[in-house]
Amino acid sequence: MEFVRRLLAAGSTSRAIAAMMPCFDTPLEETFDSAMERLAQERRRITSDIEDLLQARKALDALMDTAREHRVRLPKSRAG
């Protein structure tokens, strides 16, 4: 099913996809609305994950900046 593959590619969980299956099995306004709400929940979850990843990247950038500042104060290596 192409839509399931697209949901997986978009990062949806198998649990979320299973919750949306009634819309495919019995396409009614009620099942459609339920599936749309589940898609919105998945979008909110992914947005939260992105925000967490951006914070993690920011923390790593700060750590790398501190490490670079420390490195310039290290003694030079002696070859040989």
C-alpha atoms as a PDB file:
ATOM      1  CA  MET A   1       0.000   0.000   0.000  1.00  0.00           C
ATOM      2  CA  GLU A   2       1.649   3.222  -1.192  1.00  0.00           C
ATOM      3  CA  PHE A   3       0.168   5.401   1.554  1.00  0.00           C
ATOM      4  CA  VAL A   4       1.600   3.141   4.267  1.00  0.00           C
ATOM      5  CA  ARG A   5       5.035   3.331   2.630  1.00  0.00           C
ATOM      6  CA  ARG A   6       4.732   7.114   2.558  1.00  0.00           C
ATOM      7  CA  LEU A   7       3.746   7.188   6.235  1.00  0.00           C
ATOM      8  CA  LEU A   8       6.753   5.039   7.114  1.00  0.00           C
ATOM      9  CA  ALA A   9       9.033   7.261   5.030  1.00  0.00           C
ATOM     10  CA  ALA A  10       7.631  10.283   6.881  1.00  0.00           C
ATOM     11  CA  GLY A  11       8.656   8.743  10.183  1.00  0.00           C
ATOM     12  CA  SER A  12       5.261   7.539  11.373  1.00  0.00           C
ATOM     13  CA  THR A  13       5.267   4.704  13.849  1.00  0.00           C
ATOM     14  CA  SER A  14       3.648   1.366  13.108  1.00  0.00           C
ATOM     15  CA  ARG A  15       1.275   2.034  16.003  1.00  0.00           C
ATOM     16  CA  ALA A  16       0.130   5.307  14.424  1.00  0.00           C
ATOM     17  CA  ILE A  17      -0.298   3.640  11.053  1.00  0.00           C
ATOM     18  CA  ALA A  18      -2.375   0.869  12.638  1.00  0.00           C
ATOM     19  CA  ALA A  19      -4.591   3.512  14.234  1.00  0.00           C
ATOM     20  CA  MET A  20      -5.201   5.042  10.796  1.00  0.00           C
ATOM     21  CA  MET A  21      -6.064   1.770   9.060  1.00  0.00           C
ATOM     22  CA  PRO A  22      -9.825   2.005   9.733  1.00  0.00           C
ATOM     23  CA  CYS A  23      -9.859   4.965   7.335  1.00  0.00           C
ATOM     24  CA  PHE A  24      -8.561   2.655   4.601  1.00  0.00           C
ATOM     25  CA  ASP A  25     -10.802  -0.269   5.524  1.00  0.00           C
ATOM     26  CA  THR A  26     -13.993   1.779   5.997  1.00  0.00           C
ATOM     27  CA  PRO A  27     -13.576   5.225   4.430  1.00  0.00           C
ATOM     28  CA  LEU A  28     -16.210   7.298   6.217  1.00  0.00           C
ATOM     29  CA  GLU A  29     -16.121  10.873   7.470  1.00  0.00           C
ATOM     30  CA  GLU A  30     -15.617   9.611  11.022  1.00  0.00           C
ATOM     31  CA  THR A  31     -12.686   7.350  10.156  1.00  0.00           C
ATOM     32  CA  PHE A  32     -11.214  10.044   7.920  1.00  0.00           C
ATOM     33  CA  ASP A  33     -11.413  12.624  10.722  1.00  0.00           C
ATOM     34  CA  SER A  34      -9.834  10.161  13.138  1.00  0.00           C
ATOM     35  CA  ALA A  35      -7.001   9.459  10.707  1.00  0.00           C
ATOM     36  CA  MET A  36      -6.435  13.176  10.155  1.00  0.00           C
ATOM     37  CA  GLU A  37      -6.202  13.731  13.896  1.00  0.00           C
ATOM     38  CA  ARG A  38      -3.678  10.915  14.150  1.00  0.00           C
ATOM     39  CA  LEU A  39      -1.650  12.488  11.332  1.00  0.00           C
ATOM     40  CA  ALA A  40      -1.710  15.774  13.250  1.00  0.00           C
ATOM     41  CA  GLN A  41      -0.474  13.951  16.377  1.00  0.00           C
ATOM     42  CA  GLU A  42       2.337  12.385  14.384  1.00  0.00           C
ATOM     43  CA  ARG A  43       3.285  15.790  13.014  1.00  0.00           C
ATOM     44  CA  ARG A  44       3.390  17.248  16.533  1.00  0.00           C
ATOM     45  CA  ARG A  45       5.544  14.313  17.692  1.00  0.00           C
ATOM     46  CA  ILE A  46       7.981  14.775  14.827  1.00  0.00           C
ATOM     47  CA  THR A  47       8.104  18.536  15.417  1.00  0.00           C
ATOM     48  CA  SER A  48       8.975  17.870  19.057  1.00  0.00           C
ATOM     49  CA  ASP A  49      11.696  15.438  17.988  1.00  0.00           C
ATOM     50  CA  ILE A  50      13.120  18.058  15.629  1.00  0.00           C
ATOM     51  CA  GLU A  51      13.163  20.651  18.403  1.00  0.00           C
ATOM     52  CA  ASP A  52      14.946  18.188  20.705  1.00  0.00           C
ATOM     53  CA  LEU A  53      17.511  17.448  17.991  1.00  0.00           C
ATOM     54  CA  LEU A  54      18.098  21.153  17.391  1.00  0.00           C
ATOM     55  CA  GLN A  55      18.749  21.649  21.107  1.00  0.00           C
ATOM     56  CA  ALA A  56      21.137  18.678  21.111  1.00  0.00           C
ATOM     57  CA  ARG A  57      22.984  20.138  18.118  1.00  0.00           C
ATOM     58  CA  LYS A  58      23.207  23.505  19.855  1.00  0.00           C
ATOM     59  CA  ALA A  59      24.673  21.829  22.954  1.00  0.00           C
ATOM     60  CA  LEU A  60      27.214  19.964  20.792  1.00  0.00           C
ATOM     61  CA  ASP A  61      28.164  23.188  19.008  1.00  0.00           C
ATOM     62  CA  ALA A  62      28.818  24.847  22.376  1.00  0.00           C
ATOM     63  CA  LEU A  63      30.883  21.857  23.508  1.00  0.00           C
ATOM     64  CA  MET A  64      32.899  21.942  20.294  1.00  0.00           C
ATOM     65  CA  ASP A  65      33.512  25.683  20.697  1.00  0.00           C
ATOM     66  CA  THR A  66      34.774  25.106  24.243  1.00  0.00           C
ATOM     67  CA  ALA A  67      37.005  22.245  23.052  1.00  0.00           C
ATOM     68  CA  ARG A  68      38.474  24.440  20.292  1.00  0.00           C
ATOM     69  CA  GLU A  69      39.232  27.190  22.812  1.00  0.00           C
ATOM     70  CA  HIS A  70      40.952  24.627  25.019  1.00  0.00           C
ATOM     71  CA  ARG A  71      42.948  23.181  22.140  1.00  0.00           C
ATOM     72  CA  VAL A  72      44.707  26.441  21.320  1.00  0.00           C
ATOM     73  CA  ARG A  73      46.176  26.367  24.833  1.00  0.00           C
ATOM     74  CA  LEU A  74      47.575  22.834  24.511  1.00  0.00           C
ATOM     75  CA  PRO A  75      51.344  22.363  24.137  1.00  0.00           C
ATOM     76  CA  LYS A  76      52.558  21.477  20.679  1.00  0.00           C
ATOM     77  CA  SER A  77      53.229  17.828  19.901  1.00  0.00           C
ATOM     78  CA  ARG A  78      56.798  16.722  19.595  1.00  0.00           C
ATOM     79  CA  ALA A  79      57.510  14.683  16.477  1.00  0.00           C
ATOM     80  CA  GLY A  80      59.834  11.794  16.634  1.00  0.00           C
END
